[in-house]
């Protein structure tokens, strides 16, 4: 989405890749403190994934844009997030915007860790509504 402005993570990598996309999904937050969000409702999420690295793979990518779309968009688009195996049957973990940003980071980073070029997912920006968003950045040295 041209014109979208989001914070840029600090890094010293030679390359920074950003992939913007949106997906439609529903969720509910089964907590008494969630108010109206306890009921199933939907959003058109806007996401930006930032990947950094110094070395490109054999195709000349940090990560192929299509791979990011497959890993995140294809998994979550037009779903009830609560039904995803990461949440289904887990009473202590709900698909809030904050948790979804962290989950998306983990999915991307797990894929990157299997590649040989040592790219890192630096940031996940996840907008839930036109006025509400979350940014997840892992702490350096912290394993998720």
Protein backbone atom coordinates (compact mmCIF):
# COMPACT_ATOMS: atom_id res chain seq x y z
CA UNK A 1 0.00 0.00 0.00
CA UNK A 2 1.80 3.04 -1.23
CA UNK A 3 1.67 5.90 1.20
CA UNK A 4 1.54 3.71 4.29
CA UNK A 5 3.85 5.04 6.95
CA UNK A 6 5.19 2.81 9.68
CA UNK A 7 8.18 3.01 12.01
CA UNK A 8 11.47 1.70 10.69
CA UNK A 9 13.45 -0.66 12.93
CA UNK A 10 17.06 0.24 13.69
CA UNK A 11 19.55 -2.17 12.14
CA UNK A 12 22.89 -2.30 10.37
CA UNK A 13 22.04 -4.83 7.64
CA UNK A 14 22.91 -4.10 4.02
CA UNK A 15 19.46 -5.13 2.84
CA UNK A 16 16.01 -4.42 4.21
CA UNK A 17 12.98 -6.03 2.60
CA UNK A 18 9.40 -4.96 3.33
CA UNK A 19 6.28 -6.84 2.29
CA UNK A 20 2.86 -5.19 2.66
CA UNK A 21 -0.35 -7.18 2.37
CA UNK A 22 -3.80 -7.37 3.86
CA UNK A 23 -6.00 -10.22 4.92
CA UNK A 24 -9.52 -10.58 6.25
CA UNK A 25 -10.05 -12.66 9.37
CA UNK A 26 -12.34 -12.98 12.34
CA UNK A 27 -11.49 -13.58 15.97
CA UNK A 28 -12.80 -13.33 19.47
CA UNK A 29 -10.99 -12.61 22.71
CA UNK A 30 -12.55 -14.90 25.34
CA UNK A 31 -11.68 -12.75 28.34
CA UNK A 32 -14.04 -10.76 30.51
CA UNK A 33 -11.78 -7.72 30.17
CA UNK A 34 -12.13 -7.76 26.36
CA UNK A 35 -15.57 -6.10 26.36
CA UNK A 36 -17.27 -6.31 22.95
CA UNK A 37 -14.26 -8.18 21.59
CA UNK A 38 -15.47 -11.28 23.43
CA UNK A 39 -17.90 -11.74 20.53
CA UNK A 40 -16.77 -13.02 17.16
CA UNK A 41 -16.01 -10.09 14.88
CA UNK A 42 -13.85 -9.48 11.84
CA UNK A 43 -11.16 -7.14 10.59
CA UNK A 44 -9.35 -6.38 7.39
CA UNK A 45 -5.83 -6.54 8.74
CA UNK A 46 -2.97 -4.66 7.11
CA UNK A 47 0.46 -6.17 7.70
CA UNK A 48 4.02 -5.16 6.94
CA UNK A 49 6.82 -7.66 7.41
CA UNK A 50 10.39 -6.29 7.59
CA UNK A 51 13.31 -8.64 6.94
CA UNK A 52 16.98 -7.67 7.10
CA UNK A 53 20.19 -9.36 6.15
CA UNK A 54 23.59 -9.04 4.56
CA UNK A 55 23.55 -12.10 2.31
CA UNK A 56 21.14 -12.95 -0.48
CA UNK A 57 20.14 -16.52 -1.26
CA UNK A 58 21.03 -18.34 -4.51
CA UNK A 59 18.09 -16.61 -6.26
CA UNK A 60 19.14 -13.15 -5.11
CA UNK A 61 16.50 -12.82 -2.36
CA UNK A 62 16.59 -12.26 1.38
CA UNK A 63 13.23 -14.05 1.21
CA UNK A 64 10.90 -14.28 -1.76
CA UNK A 65 7.87 -11.98 -1.39
CA UNK A 66 5.68 -14.91 -2.48
CA UNK A 67 6.99 -16.98 0.44
CA UNK A 68 5.88 -14.35 2.95
CA UNK A 69 2.44 -14.27 1.34
CA UNK A 70 2.21 -18.07 1.48
CA UNK A 71 3.35 -18.29 5.11
CA UNK A 72 1.06 -15.57 6.48
CA UNK A 73 -1.65 -14.44 4.07
CA UNK A 74 -2.56 -17.90 2.81
CA UNK A 75 -2.66 -19.26 6.36
CA UNK A 76 -4.82 -16.57 7.98
CA UNK A 77 -6.92 -14.98 5.20
CA UNK A 78 -10.67 -15.62 5.55
CA UNK A 79 -10.31 -17.69 8.71
CA UNK A 80 -11.45 -17.61 12.30
CA UNK A 81 -8.09 -17.02 13.96
CA UNK A 82 -9.22 -18.82 17.12
CA UNK A 83 -9.43 -22.04 15.06
CA UNK A 84 -5.74 -21.93 14.08
CA UNK A 85 -3.72 -24.69 15.82
CA UNK A 86 -1.70 -21.98 17.59
CA UNK A 87 -4.85 -20.93 19.49
CA UNK A 88 -7.43 -23.73 19.31
CA UNK A 89 -7.86 -25.35 22.70
CA UNK A 90 -5.41 -23.00 24.40
CA UNK A 91 -7.27 -21.06 27.03
CA UNK A 92 -4.28 -18.87 27.91
CA UNK A 93 -3.42 -17.56 24.42
CA UNK A 94 -5.85 -15.42 22.42
CA UNK A 95 -5.40 -13.96 18.90
CA UNK A 96 -5.09 -10.32 19.94
CA UNK A 97 -3.31 -7.95 17.58
CA UNK A 98 -0.23 -8.10 19.82
CA UNK A 99 -0.15 -11.89 19.88
CA UNK A 100 -0.84 -12.13 16.13
CA UNK A 101 2.11 -9.82 15.39
CA UNK A 102 4.36 -12.02 17.55
CA UNK A 103 3.01 -15.21 15.94
CA UNK A 104 3.57 -13.82 12.46
CA UNK A 105 7.15 -12.95 13.41
CA UNK A 106 7.74 -16.47 14.72
CA UNK A 107 6.37 -18.07 11.54
CA UNK A 108 8.59 -15.92 9.32
CA UNK A 109 11.68 -16.35 11.51
CA UNK A 110 11.26 -20.15 11.69
CA UNK A 111 11.29 -20.19 7.89
CA UNK A 112 14.32 -17.87 7.72
CA UNK A 113 16.21 -20.03 10.22
CA UNK A 114 15.98 -22.94 7.75
CA UNK A 115 17.63 -20.89 5.00
CA UNK A 116 21.37 -20.45 4.63
CA UNK A 117 21.59 -16.67 4.34
CA UNK A 118 20.86 -15.85 8.01
CA UNK A 119 18.20 -13.21 7.29
CA UNK A 120 16.24 -11.90 10.27
CA UNK A 121 12.62 -10.84 10.66
CA UNK A 122 13.15 -7.41 12.21
CA UNK A 123 9.60 -6.20 12.64
CA UNK A 124 5.96 -7.06 12.14
CA UNK A 125 3.58 -4.13 11.84
CA UNK A 126 -0.04 -5.25 12.13
CA UNK A 127 -2.93 -2.81 11.73
CA UNK A 128 -6.28 -4.13 12.95
CA UNK A 129 -8.38 -1.04 12.27
CA UNK A 130 -7.70 2.34 10.65
CA UNK A 131 -6.82 3.72 14.10
CA UNK A 132 -5.27 0.74 15.91
CA UNK A 133 -2.07 -1.17 15.25
CA UNK A 134 0.71 -3.09 16.95
CA UNK A 135 4.40 -3.45 16.17
CA UNK A 136 6.32 -6.50 17.28
CA UNK A 137 10.11 -6.39 17.32
CA UNK A 138 12.04 -9.19 19.03
CA UNK A 139 14.55 -8.22 21.63
CA UNK A 140 18.05 -8.88 20.43
CA UNK A 141 19.25 -12.23 21.71
CA UNK A 142 15.77 -13.24 22.88
CA UNK A 143 14.47 -16.57 21.69
CA UNK A 144 10.72 -16.75 21.12
